Amino acid sequence: MPRAEAITVEAIVIEAMASGVYRVELPNGHKLLGHPTRKLKLSNSRLAVGERITVEMSPFDMSKGSITVREEK
């Protein structure tokens, strides 16, 4: 079965939670939980509050997403 098209959106980290999960806010004000992908975990980079990121969400569950890209300053 092919994977459904992921929705890619830029967001801002607003809170770092336990277990490496982050609360992020989309430009439209929607808040969701984001977890970093394996690539970000292996680089041992912690995300700071206020940092700009890119999140991929499933069209079926828009309350969670994967943090795929960390925007450079």
N, C-alpha and C. Protein backbone atom coordinates (compact mmCIF):
# COMPACT_ATOMS: atom_id res chain seq x y z
N MET A 1 0.84 -1.17 0.00
CA MET A 1 0.00 0.00 0.00
C MET A 1 0.89 1.24 0.00
N PRO A 2 0.69 2.17 -0.91
CA PRO A 2 1.54 3.36 -0.95
C PRO A 2 1.22 4.29 0.21
N ARG A 3 2.25 5.04 0.61
CA ARG A 3 2.10 5.98 1.70
C ARG A 3 1.28 7.18 1.23
N ALA A 4 0.39 7.65 2.07
CA ALA A 4 -0.42 8.82 1.73
C ALA A 4 0.47 10.05 1.63
N GLU A 5 0.07 11.00 0.87
CA GLU A 5 0.83 12.23 0.71
C GLU A 5 0.93 12.96 2.04
N ALA A 6 2.14 13.27 2.44
CA ALA A 6 2.35 14.01 3.67
C ALA A 6 2.19 15.50 3.41
N ILE A 7 1.70 16.21 4.40
CA ILE A 7 1.55 17.65 4.33
C ILE A 7 2.78 18.27 4.98
N THR A 8 3.50 19.10 4.25
CA THR A 8 4.72 19.74 4.75
C THR A 8 4.44 21.20 5.05
N VAL A 9 4.77 21.61 6.30
CA VAL A 9 4.48 22.96 6.75
C VAL A 9 5.64 23.47 7.59
N GLU A 10 5.92 24.77 7.51
CA GLU A 10 6.91 25.38 8.39
C GLU A 10 6.23 25.70 9.72
N ALA A 11 6.99 25.59 10.81
CA ALA A 11 6.43 25.82 12.15
C ALA A 11 7.51 26.39 13.06
N ILE A 12 7.11 26.71 14.29
CA ILE A 12 8.02 27.24 15.30
C ILE A 12 7.87 26.39 16.56
N VAL A 13 9.00 26.03 17.18
CA VAL A 13 8.99 25.26 18.42
C VAL A 13 8.56 26.20 19.55
N ILE A 14 7.54 25.79 20.32
CA ILE A 14 7.10 26.63 21.43
C ILE A 14 7.36 25.99 22.79
N GLU A 15 7.63 24.67 22.82
CA GLU A 15 7.89 24.00 24.10
C GLU A 15 8.64 22.70 23.85
N ALA A 16 9.67 22.45 24.67
CA ALA A 16 10.38 21.18 24.63
C ALA A 16 9.82 20.32 25.75
N MET A 17 9.34 19.13 25.42
CA MET A 17 8.72 18.25 26.40
C MET A 17 9.63 17.04 26.64
N ALA A 18 9.21 16.15 27.51
CA ALA A 18 9.98 14.97 27.84
C ALA A 18 10.06 14.01 26.64
N SER A 19 11.07 13.16 26.67
CA SER A 19 11.27 12.11 25.66
C SER A 19 11.54 12.67 24.27
N GLY A 20 12.06 13.87 24.17
CA GLY A 20 12.43 14.41 22.87
C GLY A 20 11.25 14.82 22.01
N VAL A 21 10.11 15.07 22.61
CA VAL A 21 8.92 15.51 21.89
C VAL A 21 8.80 17.02 22.05
N TYR A 22 8.35 17.69 21.01
CA TYR A 22 8.25 19.14 21.03
C TYR A 22 6.83 19.56 20.68
N ARG A 23 6.37 20.64 21.31
CA ARG A 23 5.10 21.24 20.93
C ARG A 23 5.45 22.35 19.95
N VAL A 24 4.83 22.30 18.78
CA VAL A 24 5.12 23.26 17.73
C VAL A 24 3.84 23.99 17.34
N GLU A 25 4.02 25.19 16.81
CA GLU A 25 2.88 26.00 16.39
C GLU A 25 3.02 26.34 14.91
N LEU A 26 1.96 26.10 14.17
CA LEU A 26 1.92 26.40 12.75
C LEU A 26 1.59 27.88 12.55
N PRO A 27 1.84 28.42 11.37
CA PRO A 27 1.56 29.84 11.13
C PRO A 27 0.08 30.21 11.33
N ASN A 28 -0.83 29.26 11.16
CA ASN A 28 -2.26 29.56 11.33
C ASN A 28 -2.71 29.46 12.79
N GLY A 29 -1.77 29.17 13.72
CA GLY A 29 -2.09 29.11 15.14
C GLY A 29 -2.37 27.71 15.67
N HIS A 30 -2.44 26.71 14.81
CA HIS A 30 -2.68 25.33 15.22
C HIS A 30 -1.46 24.79 15.94
N LYS A 31 -1.66 24.12 17.09
CA LYS A 31 -0.55 23.55 17.85
C LYS A 31 -0.61 22.03 17.75
N LEU A 32 0.57 21.41 17.64
CA LEU A 32 0.63 19.95 17.55
C LEU A 32 1.91 19.45 18.18
N LEU A 33 1.99 18.13 18.37
CA LEU A 33 3.19 17.49 18.90
C LEU A 33 4.07 17.06 17.74
N GLY A 34 5.35 17.33 17.86
CA GLY A 34 6.30 16.95 16.82
C GLY A 34 7.44 16.14 17.41
N HIS A 35 7.81 15.09 16.71
CA HIS A 35 8.95 14.30 17.13
C HIS A 35 9.98 14.33 16.02
N PRO A 36 11.27 14.46 16.38
CA PRO A 36 12.31 14.55 15.35
C PRO A 36 12.49 13.21 14.63
N THR A 37 12.88 13.28 13.37
CA THR A 37 13.16 12.08 12.61
C THR A 37 14.48 11.46 13.09
N ARG A 38 14.74 10.27 12.65
CA ARG A 38 15.96 9.56 13.05
C ARG A 38 17.22 10.34 12.66
N LYS A 39 17.18 10.99 11.51
CA LYS A 39 18.32 11.76 11.04
C LYS A 39 18.67 12.89 12.02
N LEU A 40 17.65 13.58 12.54
CA LEU A 40 17.90 14.65 13.50
C LEU A 40 18.36 14.10 14.85
N LYS A 41 17.83 12.94 15.24
CA LYS A 41 18.24 12.33 16.51
C LYS A 41 19.70 11.90 16.47
N LEU A 42 20.14 11.37 15.33
CA LEU A 42 21.51 10.89 15.22
C LEU A 42 22.52 12.04 15.21
N SER A 43 22.09 13.23 14.81
CA SER A 43 23.01 14.36 14.80
C SER A 43 23.14 15.01 16.18
N ASN A 44 22.42 14.47 17.17
CA ASN A 44 22.46 14.95 18.55
C ASN A 44 22.17 16.44 18.66
N SER A 45 21.25 16.92 17.87
CA SER A 45 20.92 18.34 17.92
C SER A 45 19.62 18.53 18.69
N ARG A 46 19.67 19.37 19.70
CA ARG A 46 18.48 19.71 20.47
C ARG A 46 17.87 20.96 19.84
N LEU A 47 16.57 20.99 19.78
CA LEU A 47 15.88 22.14 19.24
C LEU A 47 15.58 23.12 20.37
N ALA A 48 15.74 24.39 20.09
CA ALA A 48 15.49 25.43 21.08
C ALA A 48 14.11 26.04 20.85
N VAL A 49 13.55 26.58 21.91
CA VAL A 49 12.27 27.26 21.82
C VAL A 49 12.43 28.47 20.90
N GLY A 50 11.51 28.64 19.98
CA GLY A 50 11.56 29.74 19.03
C GLY A 50 12.25 29.40 17.72
N GLU A 51 12.78 28.20 17.60
CA GLU A 51 13.48 27.80 16.39
C GLU A 51 12.49 27.43 15.29
N ARG A 52 12.84 27.79 14.05
CA ARG A 52 11.99 27.49 12.90
C ARG A 52 12.33 26.10 12.37
N ILE A 53 11.29 25.32 12.08
CA ILE A 53 11.45 23.94 11.62
C ILE A 53 10.46 23.66 10.50
N THR A 54 10.63 22.50 9.87
CA THR A 54 9.66 22.01 8.90
C THR A 54 9.06 20.71 9.44
N VAL A 55 7.74 20.62 9.39
CA VAL A 55 7.01 19.48 9.95
C VAL A 55 6.24 18.78 8.84
N GLU A 56 6.28 17.44 8.85
CA GLU A 56 5.45 16.65 7.94
C GLU A 56 4.33 16.02 8.75
N MET A 57 3.09 16.19 8.27
CA MET A 57 1.93 15.64 8.96
C MET A 57 1.17 14.71 8.03
N SER A 58 0.52 13.73 8.61
CA SER A 58 -0.36 12.86 7.85
C SER A 58 -1.69 13.57 7.65
N PRO A 59 -2.33 13.40 6.51
CA PRO A 59 -3.64 14.03 6.33
C PRO A 59 -4.72 13.39 7.20
N PHE A 60 -4.43 12.24 7.79
CA PHE A 60 -5.41 11.55 8.61
C PHE A 60 -5.36 11.97 10.08
N ASP A 61 -4.18 12.37 10.58
CA ASP A 61 -4.03 12.79 11.98
C ASP A 61 -3.17 14.05 12.01
N MET A 62 -3.82 15.18 12.16
CA MET A 62 -3.10 16.45 12.10
C MET A 62 -2.73 16.96 13.49
N SER A 63 -2.78 16.09 14.50
CA SER A 63 -2.38 16.49 15.85
C SER A 63 -0.94 16.09 16.15
N LYS A 64 -0.31 15.32 15.26
CA LYS A 64 1.07 14.89 15.43
C LYS A 64 1.81 15.05 14.12
N GLY A 65 3.15 15.20 14.22
CA GLY A 65 3.93 15.34 13.01
C GLY A 65 5.39 14.99 13.23
N SER A 66 6.12 14.83 12.15
CA SER A 66 7.55 14.54 12.21
C SER A 66 8.33 15.79 11.85
N ILE A 67 9.28 16.14 12.69
CA ILE A 67 10.15 17.28 12.42
C ILE A 67 11.24 16.80 11.49
N THR A 68 11.24 17.30 10.26
CA THR A 68 12.16 16.78 9.25
C THR A 68 13.36 17.68 9.02
N VAL A 69 13.18 18.99 9.05
CA VAL A 69 14.25 19.92 8.72
C VAL A 69 14.33 21.00 9.79
N ARG A 70 15.55 21.30 10.16
CA ARG A 70 15.81 22.39 11.09
C ARG A 70 16.32 23.56 10.25
N GLU A 71 15.60 24.67 10.28
CA GLU A 71 15.95 25.83 9.45
C GLU A 71 17.21 26.49 9.98
N GLU A 72 18.10 26.85 9.07
CA GLU A 72 19.32 27.56 9.44
C GLU A 72 19.03 29.02 9.67
N LYS A 73 19.77 29.63 10.56
CA LYS A 73 19.54 31.04 10.89
C LYS A 73 20.21 31.94 9.91
